[in-house]
């Protein structure tokens, strides 16, 4: 393949643009904020799930508390009625009064048991409420962290995107100055060589694979016409001779 030396040197400028764009794209994908945001989002989801769990628990305990309170009140009301009957004593035999007194004692024991249950439920309700407060605070903190990291990520992406646009600005003009066959070779090599298709031959070393060329290959390159497109025998990349390619 033939191409004027100045056209071949243009490939180095094009490669510099493409390499920087590749670096920017890599930087966009590997921003530390991506991983940090994923972790923060996981914490936020966990905190949100905890809030839902505790709220459900509180709802269940609330029903228990209502039921326990109702049971205690029911026994209290029964005891009040029995006490009133006992105090009135109207139309009641001594046997009836004794039975009523026994029932009051039984109701007192039952009331004590139910009040213990009510107290235990209230303690669990209070503990669950504290847990909900903690979970809510954790959720707010995680939400704020997600918002902060999202802002940092978006700012970093915007900065990289702005640089990418700036770097790409001269590419169209550079491409327009390269013949189609050479450009096709460049694009093919760039796709198959990790993005690096053209490299400078500097002091007998390939700027792509960084290997020093053997004397036979160097001699062949030196004898090649200036418009001959030469390639590295090791990595296959286009070697651009710039005049600084004399072996050290």
C-alpha atoms as a PDB file:
ATOM      1  CA  UNK A   1       0.000   0.000   0.000  1.00  0.00           C
ATOM      2  CA  UNK A   2       1.203   3.482  -0.872  1.00  0.00           C
ATOM      3  CA  UNK A   3       0.528   6.770   0.876  1.00  0.00           C
ATOM      4  CA  UNK A   4       2.404  10.035   0.970  1.00  0.00           C
ATOM      5  CA  UNK A   5       4.580  10.445   4.081  1.00  0.00           C
ATOM      6  CA  UNK A   6       2.509  13.425   5.272  1.00  0.00           C
ATOM      7  CA  UNK A   7      -0.641  11.301   4.985  1.00  0.00           C
ATOM      8  CA  UNK A   8       0.995   8.542   6.995  1.00  0.00           C
ATOM      9  CA  UNK A   9       1.986  11.069   9.657  1.00  0.00           C
ATOM     10  CA  UNK A  10      -1.616  12.220   9.745  1.00  0.00           C
ATOM     11  CA  UNK A  11      -2.436   8.727  11.008  1.00  0.00           C
ATOM     12  CA  UNK A  12      -0.498   9.524  14.190  1.00  0.00           C
ATOM     13  CA  UNK A  13      -2.719  12.552  14.810  1.00  0.00           C
ATOM     14  CA  UNK A  14      -5.792  10.449  14.127  1.00  0.00           C
ATOM     15  CA  UNK A  15      -4.501   7.746  16.414  1.00  0.00           C
ATOM     16  CA  UNK A  16      -3.894  10.289  19.171  1.00  0.00           C
ATOM     17  CA  UNK A  17      -7.515  11.415  18.903  1.00  0.00           C
ATOM     18  CA  UNK A  18      -8.870   7.865  18.896  1.00  0.00           C
ATOM     19  CA  UNK A  19      -6.623   6.807  21.764  1.00  0.00           C
ATOM     20  CA  UNK A  20      -7.750   9.715  23.922  1.00  0.00           C
ATOM     21  CA  UNK A  21     -11.396   9.049  23.090  1.00  0.00           C
ATOM     22  CA  UNK A  22     -10.854   5.402  24.034  1.00  0.00           C
ATOM     23  CA  UNK A  23      -9.311   6.507  27.322  1.00  0.00           C
ATOM     24  CA  UNK A  24     -12.228   8.841  28.002  1.00  0.00           C
ATOM     25  CA  UNK A  25     -14.744   6.087  27.263  1.00  0.00           C
ATOM     26  CA  UNK A  26     -12.876   3.778  29.618  1.00  0.00           C
ATOM     27  CA  UNK A  27     -12.854   6.482  32.270  1.00  0.00           C
ATOM     28  CA  UNK A  28     -16.624   6.917  31.859  1.00  0.00           C
ATOM     29  CA  UNK A  29     -17.198   3.191  32.390  1.00  0.00           C
ATOM     30  CA  UNK A  30     -14.840   2.907  35.352  1.00  0.00           C
ATOM     31  CA  UNK A  31     -15.672   6.045  37.300  1.00  0.00           C
ATOM     32  CA  UNK A  32     -15.345   5.228  41.021  1.00  0.00           C
ATOM     33  CA  UNK A  33     -18.747   6.823  41.504  1.00  0.00           C
ATOM     34  CA  UNK A  34     -20.361   3.919  39.598  1.00  0.00           C
ATOM     35  CA  UNK A  35     -19.292   1.381  42.229  1.00  0.00           C
ATOM     36  CA  UNK A  36     -19.936   3.817  45.074  1.00  0.00           C
ATOM     37  CA  UNK A  37     -23.414   4.530  43.744  1.00  0.00           C
ATOM     38  CA  UNK A  38     -24.173   0.846  43.433  1.00  0.00           C
ATOM     39  CA  UNK A  39     -23.133   0.285  47.043  1.00  0.00           C
ATOM     40  CA  UNK A  40     -25.102   3.293  48.251  1.00  0.00           C
ATOM     41  CA  UNK A  41     -28.161   2.193  46.281  1.00  0.00           C
ATOM     42  CA  UNK A  42     -27.908  -1.247  47.861  1.00  0.00           C
ATOM     43  CA  UNK A  43     -27.760   0.328  51.311  1.00  0.00           C
ATOM     44  CA  UNK A  44     -30.744   2.508  50.465  1.00  0.00           C
ATOM     45  CA  UNK A  45     -32.731  -0.508  49.304  1.00  0.00           C
ATOM     46  CA  UNK A  46     -31.810  -2.431  52.441  1.00  0.00           C
ATOM     47  CA  UNK A  47     -32.795   0.528  54.627  1.00  0.00           C
ATOM     48  CA  UNK A  48     -36.074   0.905  52.734  1.00  0.00           C
ATOM     49  CA  UNK A  49     -36.806  -2.789  53.169  1.00  0.00           C
ATOM     50  CA  UNK A  50     -36.051  -2.493  56.881  1.00  0.00           C
ATOM     51  CA  UNK A  51     -38.483   0.417  57.194  1.00  0.00           C
ATOM     52  CA  UNK A  52     -41.205  -1.651  55.530  1.00  0.00           C
ATOM     53  CA  UNK A  53     -40.467  -4.655  57.757  1.00  0.00           C
ATOM     54  CA  UNK A  54     -40.582  -2.586  60.937  1.00  0.00           C
ATOM     55  CA  UNK A  55     -43.703  -0.746  59.847  1.00  0.00           C
ATOM     56  CA  UNK A  56     -45.384  -4.092  59.228  1.00  0.00           C
ATOM     57  CA  UNK A  57     -44.180  -5.309  62.620  1.00  0.00           C
ATOM     58  CA  UNK A  58     -45.534  -2.165  64.284  1.00  0.00           C
ATOM     59  CA  UNK A  59     -48.868  -2.657  62.586  1.00  0.00           C
ATOM     60  CA  UNK A  60     -49.062  -6.236  63.875  1.00  0.00           C
ATOM     61  CA  UNK A  61     -48.013  -5.176  67.371  1.00  0.00           C
ATOM     62  CA  UNK A  62     -50.559  -2.371  67.260  1.00  0.00           C
ATOM     63  CA  UNK A  63     -53.314  -4.910  66.676  1.00  0.00           C
ATOM     64  CA  UNK A  64     -51.927  -6.990  69.542  1.00  0.00           C
ATOM     65  CA  UNK A  65     -51.917  -3.911  71.780  1.00  0.00           C
ATOM     66  CA  UNK A  66     -55.513  -3.079  70.886  1.00  0.00           C
ATOM     67  CA  UNK A  67     -56.581  -6.637  71.565  1.00  0.00           C
ATOM     68  CA  UNK A  68     -54.669  -6.765  74.866  1.00  0.00           C
ATOM     69  CA  UNK A  69     -56.131  -3.438  75.957  1.00  0.00           C
ATOM     70  CA  UNK A  70     -59.607  -4.670  75.069  1.00  0.00           C
ATOM     71  CA  UNK A  71     -59.106  -7.876  77.057  1.00  0.00           C
ATOM     72  CA  UNK A  72     -57.982  -5.940  80.128  1.00  0.00           C
ATOM     73  CA  UNK A  73     -60.872  -3.510  79.845  1.00  0.00           C
ATOM     74  CA  UNK A  74     -63.333  -6.341  79.474  1.00  0.00           C
ATOM     75  CA  UNK A  75     -62.117  -7.936  82.730  1.00  0.00           C
ATOM     76  CA  UNK A  76     -62.143  -4.558  84.478  1.00  0.00           C
ATOM     77  CA  UNK A  77     -65.728  -3.912  83.409  1.00  0.00           C
ATOM     78  CA  UNK A  78     -66.769  -7.359  84.601  1.00  0.00           C
ATOM     79  CA  UNK A  79     -65.063  -6.773  87.935  1.00  0.00           C
ATOM     80  CA  UNK A  80     -66.762  -3.394  88.336  1.00  0.00           C
ATOM     81  CA  UNK A  81     -70.163  -4.956  87.742  1.00  0.00           C
ATOM     82  CA  UNK A  82     -69.463  -7.785  90.176  1.00  0.00           C
ATOM     83  CA  UNK A  83     -68.212  -5.344  92.786  1.00  0.00           C
ATOM     84  CA  UNK A  84     -71.356  -3.307  92.434  1.00  0.00           C
ATOM     85  CA  UNK A  85     -73.469  -6.428  92.875  1.00  0.00           C
ATOM     86  CA  UNK A  86     -71.416  -7.430  95.883  1.00  0.00           C
ATOM     87  CA  UNK A  87     -71.813  -4.042  97.509  1.00  0.00           C
ATOM     88  CA  UNK A  88     -75.539  -3.936  96.821  1.00  0.00           C
ATOM     89  CA  UNK A  89     -76.138  -7.506  98.026  1.00  0.00           C
ATOM     90  CA  UNK A  90     -79.810  -7.183  97.106  1.00  0.00           C
ATOM     91  CA  UNK A  91     -81.637 -10.543  96.808  1.00  0.00           C
ATOM     92  CA  UNK A  92     -78.414 -12.535  97.134  1.00  0.00           C
ATOM     93  CA  UNK A  93     -77.792 -15.425  99.498  1.00  0.00           C
ATOM     94  CA  UNK A  94     -74.586 -15.847 101.418  1.00  0.00           C
ATOM     95  CA  UNK A  95     -73.647 -18.552  98.961  1.00  0.00           C
ATOM     96  CA  UNK A  96     -74.166 -16.142  96.057  1.00  0.00           C
ATOM     97  CA  UNK A  97     -72.065 -13.524  97.821  1.00  0.00           C
ATOM     98  CA  UNK A  98     -69.276 -16.045  98.423  1.00  0.00           C
ATOM     99  CA  UNK A  99     -69.322 -17.104  94.770  1.00  0.00           C
ATOM    100  CA  UNK A 100     -69.259 -13.492  93.666  1.00  0.00           C
ATOM    101  CA  UNK A 101     -66.314 -12.775  95.935  1.00  0.00           C
ATOM    102  CA  UNK A 102     -64.492 -15.763  94.460  1.00  0.00           C
ATOM    103  CA  UNK A 103     -65.178 -14.518  90.967  1.00  0.00           C
ATOM    104  CA  UNK A 104     -63.792 -11.094  91.857  1.00  0.00           C
ATOM    105  CA  UNK A 105     -60.601 -12.685  93.103  1.00  0.00           C
ATOM    106  CA  UNK A 106     -60.363 -14.743  89.912  1.00  0.00           C
ATOM    107  CA  UNK A 107     -60.968 -11.616  87.822  1.00  0.00           C
ATOM    108  CA  UNK A 108     -58.236  -9.795  89.732  1.00  0.00           C
ATOM    109  CA  UNK A 109     -55.759 -12.544  88.925  1.00  0.00           C
ATOM    110  CA  UNK A 110     -56.873 -12.586  85.302  1.00  0.00           C
ATOM    111  CA  UNK A 111     -56.598  -8.804  85.100  1.00  0.00           C
ATOM    112  CA  UNK A 112     -53.049  -8.963  86.461  1.00  0.00           C
ATOM    113  CA  UNK A 113     -52.098 -11.574  83.872  1.00  0.00           C
ATOM    114  CA  UNK A 114     -53.650  -9.572  81.042  1.00  0.00           C
ATOM    115  CA  UNK A 115     -51.972  -6.383  82.224  1.00  0.00           C
ATOM    116  CA  UNK A 116     -48.628  -8.198  82.155  1.00  0.00           C
ATOM    117  CA  UNK A 117     -49.364  -9.243  78.581  1.00  0.00           C
ATOM    118  CA  UNK A 118     -50.399  -5.681  77.712  1.00  0.00           C
ATOM    119  CA  UNK A 119     -47.192  -4.330  79.263  1.00  0.00           C
ATOM    120  CA  UNK A 120     -45.065  -6.811  77.288  1.00  0.00           C
ATOM    121  CA  UNK A 121     -46.819  -5.789  74.085  1.00  0.00           C
ATOM    122  CA  UNK A 122     -46.305  -2.121  74.872  1.00  0.00           C
ATOM    123  CA  UNK A 123     -42.588  -2.727  75.498  1.00  0.00           C
ATOM    124  CA  UNK A 124     -42.280  -4.494  72.149  1.00  0.00           C
ATOM    125  CA  UNK A 125     -44.190  -1.657  70.529  1.00  0.00           C
ATOM    126  CA  UNK A 126     -41.826   0.899  72.028  1.00  0.00           C
ATOM    127  CA  UNK A 127     -38.768  -1.098  70.918  1.00  0.00           C
ATOM    128  CA  UNK A 128     -40.189  -1.431  67.406  1.00  0.00           C
ATOM    129  CA  UNK A 129     -40.865   2.305  67.284  1.00  0.00           C
ATOM    130  CA  UNK A 130     -37.244   3.002  68.220  1.00  0.00           C
ATOM    131  CA  UNK A 131     -36.135   0.565  65.563  1.00  0.00           C
ATOM    132  CA  UNK A 132     -38.339   2.337  63.023  1.00  0.00           C
ATOM    133  CA  UNK A 133     -36.798   5.667  63.965  1.00  0.00           C
ATOM    134  CA  UNK A 134     -33.311   4.215  63.455  1.00  0.00           C
ATOM    135  CA  UNK A 135     -34.316   2.594  60.162  1.00  0.00           C
ATOM    136  CA  UNK A 136     -35.856   5.845  58.960  1.00  0.00           C
ATOM    137  CA  UNK A 137     -32.682   7.736  59.813  1.00  0.00           C
ATOM    138  CA  UNK A 138     -30.577   5.134  58.003  1.00  0.00           C
ATOM    139  CA  UNK A 139     -32.849   5.427  54.979  1.00  0.00           C
ATOM    140  CA  UNK A 140     -32.558   9.211  54.934  1.00  0.00           C
ATOM    141  CA  UNK A 141     -28.783   8.993  55.243  1.00  0.00           C
ATOM    142  CA  UNK A 142     -28.546   6.429  52.443  1.00  0.00           C
ATOM    143  CA  UNK A 143     -30.874   8.511  50.265  1.00  0.00           C
ATOM    144  CA  UNK A 144     -28.732  11.594  50.807  1.00  0.00           C
ATOM    145  CA  UNK A 145     -25.614   9.591  49.970  1.00  0.00           C
ATOM    146  CA  UNK A 146     -27.195   8.297  46.760  1.00  0.00           C
ATOM    147  CA  UNK A 147     -28.122  11.851  45.779  1.00  0.00           C
ATOM    148  CA  UNK A 148     -24.625  13.133  46.554  1.00  0.00           C
ATOM    149  CA  UNK A 149     -22.826  10.385  44.634  1.00  0.00           C
ATOM    150  CA  UNK A 150     -25.249  10.700  41.732  1.00  0.00           C
ATOM    151  CA  UNK A 151     -24.407  14.392  41.524  1.00  0.00           C
ATOM    152  CA  UNK A 152     -20.694  13.660  41.621  1.00  0.00           C
ATOM    153  CA  UNK A 153     -21.057  10.985  38.941  1.00  0.00           C
ATOM    154  CA  UNK A 154     -23.108  13.233  36.673  1.00  0.00           C
ATOM    155  CA  UNK A 155     -20.602  16.061  37.062  1.00  0.00           C
ATOM    156  CA  UNK A 156     -17.700  13.730  36.245  1.00  0.00           C
ATOM    157  CA  UNK A 157     -19.551  12.334  33.227  1.00  0.00           C
ATOM    158  CA  UNK A 158     -20.365  15.825  31.992  1.00  0.00           C
ATOM    159  CA  UNK A 159     -16.710  16.807  32.263  1.00  0.00           C
ATOM    160  CA  UNK A 160     -15.601  13.713  30.374  1.00  0.00           C
ATOM    161  CA  UNK A 161     -18.276  14.207  27.732  1.00  0.00           C
ATOM    162  CA  UNK A 162     -17.173  17.798  27.219  1.00  0.00           C
ATOM    163  CA  UNK A 163     -13.572  16.670  26.806  1.00  0.00           C
ATOM    164  CA  UNK A 164     -14.646  13.913  24.432  1.00  0.00           C
ATOM    165  CA  UNK A 165     -16.467  16.417  22.236  1.00  0.00           C
ATOM    166  CA  UNK A 166     -13.436  18.684  22.217  1.00  0.00           C
ATOM    167  CA  UNK A 167     -11.038  15.839  21.406  1.00  0.00           C
ATOM    168  CA  UNK A 168     -13.256  14.570  18.599  1.00  0.00           C
ATOM    169  CA  UNK A 169     -13.595  17.994  16.974  1.00  0.00           C
ATOM    170  CA  UNK A 170     -10.641  17.623  14.540  1.00  0.00           C
ATOM    171  CA  UNK A 171     -11.253  13.951  13.734  1.00  0.00           C
ATOM    172  CA  UNK A 172     -13.508  14.498  10.733  1.00  0.00           C
ATOM    173  CA  UNK A 173     -10.924  16.738   9.100  1.00  0.00           C
ATOM    174  CA  UNK A 174      -8.158  14.242   9.841  1.00  0.00           C
ATOM    175  CA  UNK A 175     -10.152  11.377   8.354  1.00  0.00           C
ATOM    176  CA  UNK A 176     -10.936  13.412   5.269  1.00  0.00           C
ATOM    177  CA  UNK A 177      -7.218  13.720   4.581  1.00  0.00           C
ATOM    178  CA  UNK A 178      -6.549   9.963   4.549  1.00  0.00           C
ATOM    179  CA  UNK A 179      -7.152   7.822   1.460  1.00  0.00           C
ATOM    180  CA  UNK A 180      -9.909   5.237   1.817  1.00  0.00           C
ATOM    181  CA  UNK A 181      -7.703   2.095   1.516  1.00  0.00           C
ATOM    182  CA  UNK A 182      -5.318   3.340   4.213  1.00  0.00           C
ATOM    183  CA  UNK A 183      -8.206   4.450   6.421  1.00  0.00           C
ATOM    184  CA  UNK A 184      -9.882   1.048   6.016  1.00  0.00           C
ATOM    185  CA  UNK A 185      -6.637  -0.664   7.034  1.00  0.00           C
ATOM    186  CA  UNK A 186      -6.314   1.681  10.005  1.00  0.00           C
ATOM    187  CA  UNK A 187      -9.894   0.999  11.152  1.00  0.00           C
ATOM    188  CA  UNK A 188      -9.465  -2.766  10.768  1.00  0.00           C
ATOM    189  CA  UNK A 189      -6.220  -2.798  12.722  1.00  0.00           C
ATOM    190  CA  UNK A 190      -7.673  -0.557  15.419  1.00  0.00           C
ATOM    191  CA  UNK A 191     -10.576  -2.939  15.866  1.00  0.00           C
ATOM    192  CA  UNK A 192      -8.313  -5.975  16.088  1.00  0.00           C
ATOM    193  CA  UNK A 193      -5.462  -4.432  18.083  1.00  0.00           C
ATOM    194  CA  UNK A 194      -7.180  -3.003  21.132  1.00  0.00           C
ATOM    195  CA  UNK A 195      -7.645   0.424  19.563  1.00  0.00           C
ATOM    196  CA  UNK A 196      -4.029   1.058  18.565  1.00  0.00           C
ATOM    197  CA  UNK A 197      -3.507   0.775  14.805  1.00  0.00           C
ATOM    198  CA  UNK A 198      -0.746   3.244  13.934  1.00  0.00           C
ATOM    199  CA  UNK A 199       2.434   3.882  15.885  1.00  0.00           C
ATOM    200  CA  UNK A 200       5.626   5.823  15.377  1.00  0.00           C
ATOM    201  CA  UNK A 201       8.838   4.020  14.544  1.00  0.00           C
ATOM    202  CA  UNK A 202      11.226   5.575  17.015  1.00  0.00           C
ATOM    203  CA  UNK A 203      14.844   4.569  17.508  1.00  0.00           C
ATOM    204  CA  UNK A 204      14.232   1.205  15.904  1.00  0.00           C
ATOM    205  CA  UNK A 205      11.336   0.380  18.213  1.00  0.00           C
ATOM    206  CA  UNK A 206       7.655  -0.052  17.413  1.00  0.00           C
ATOM    207  CA  UNK A 207       5.543   2.448  19.339  1.00  0.00           C
ATOM    208  CA  UNK A 208       2.683  -0.047  19.376  1.00  0.00           C
ATOM    209  CA  UNK A 209       4.078  -3.270  20.830  1.00  0.00           C
ATOM    210  CA  UNK A 210       7.172  -1.487  22.228  1.00  0.00           C
ATOM    211  CA  UNK A 211       9.438  -4.169  20.802  1.00  0.00           C
ATOM    212  CA  UNK A 212      12.735  -3.380  19.137  1.00  0.00           C
ATOM    213  CA  UNK A 213      12.776  -4.409  15.506  1.00  0.00           C
ATOM    214  CA  UNK A 214      15.478  -6.810  14.367  1.00  0.00           C
ATOM    215  CA  UNK A 215      18.211  -5.490  12.050  1.00  0.00           C
ATOM    216  CA  UNK A 216      16.821  -7.273   8.994  1.00  0.00           C
ATOM    217  CA  UNK A 217      13.395  -5.660   9.371  1.00  0.00           C
ATOM    218  CA  UNK A 218      14.948  -2.272  10.064  1.00  0.00           C
ATOM    219  CA  UNK A 219      17.093  -2.516   6.960  1.00  0.00           C
ATOM    220  CA  UNK A 220      14.038  -3.420   4.881  1.00  0.00           C
ATOM    221  CA  UNK A 221      12.153  -0.434   6.272  1.00  0.00           C
ATOM    222  CA  UNK A 222      15.078   1.898   5.596  1.00  0.00           C
ATOM    223  CA  UNK A 223      15.182   0.721   1.988  1.00  0.00           C
ATOM    224  CA  UNK A 224      11.418   1.107   1.550  1.00  0.00           C
ATOM    225  CA  UNK A 225      10.218   4.103  -0.425  1.00  0.00           C
ATOM    226  CA  UNK A 226       8.954   7.046   1.663  1.00  0.00           C
ATOM    227  CA  UNK A 227       5.391   6.456   0.430  1.00  0.00           C
ATOM    228  CA  UNK A 228       5.469   2.755   1.238  1.00  0.00           C
ATOM    229  CA  UNK A 229       3.170   1.896   4.143  1.00  0.00           C
ATOM    230  CA  UNK A 230       5.218  -0.371   6.395  1.00  0.00           C
ATOM    231  CA  UNK A 231       3.999  -2.494   9.280  1.00  0.00           C
ATOM    232  CA  UNK A 232       5.532  -3.994  12.363  1.00  0.00           C
ATOM    233  CA  UNK A 233       6.470  -7.634  11.853  1.00  0.00           C
ATOM    234  CA  UNK A 234       5.666  -8.337  15.511  1.00  0.00           C
ATOM    235  CA  UNK A 235       2.239  -6.766  16.039  1.00  0.00           C
ATOM    236  CA  UNK A 236       1.130  -5.904  12.495  1.00  0.00           C
ATOM    237  CA  UNK A 237       0.466  -2.245  13.272  1.00  0.00           C
ATOM    238  CA  UNK A 238       1.218   0.513  10.789  1.00  0.00           C
ATOM    239  CA  UNK A 239       4.666   1.958  11.442  1.00  0.00           C
ATOM    240  CA  UNK A 240       4.890   5.652  10.696  1.00  0.00           C
ATOM    241  CA  UNK A 241       8.331   6.986   9.917  1.00  0.00           C
ATOM    242  CA  UNK A 242       8.746  10.547  11.164  1.00  0.00           C
ATOM    243  CA  UNK A 243      12.474  11.076  10.680  1.00  0.00           C
ATOM    244  CA  UNK A 244      13.239  10.264  14.305  1.00  0.00           C
ATOM    245  CA  UNK A 245      13.273   6.519  13.663  1.00  0.00           C
ATOM    246  CA  UNK A 246      16.995   5.967  13.515  1.00  0.00           C
ATOM    247  CA  UNK A 247      18.018   3.078  15.743  1.00  0.00           C
ATOM    248  CA  UNK A 248      19.724   4.134  18.947  1.00  0.00           C
END
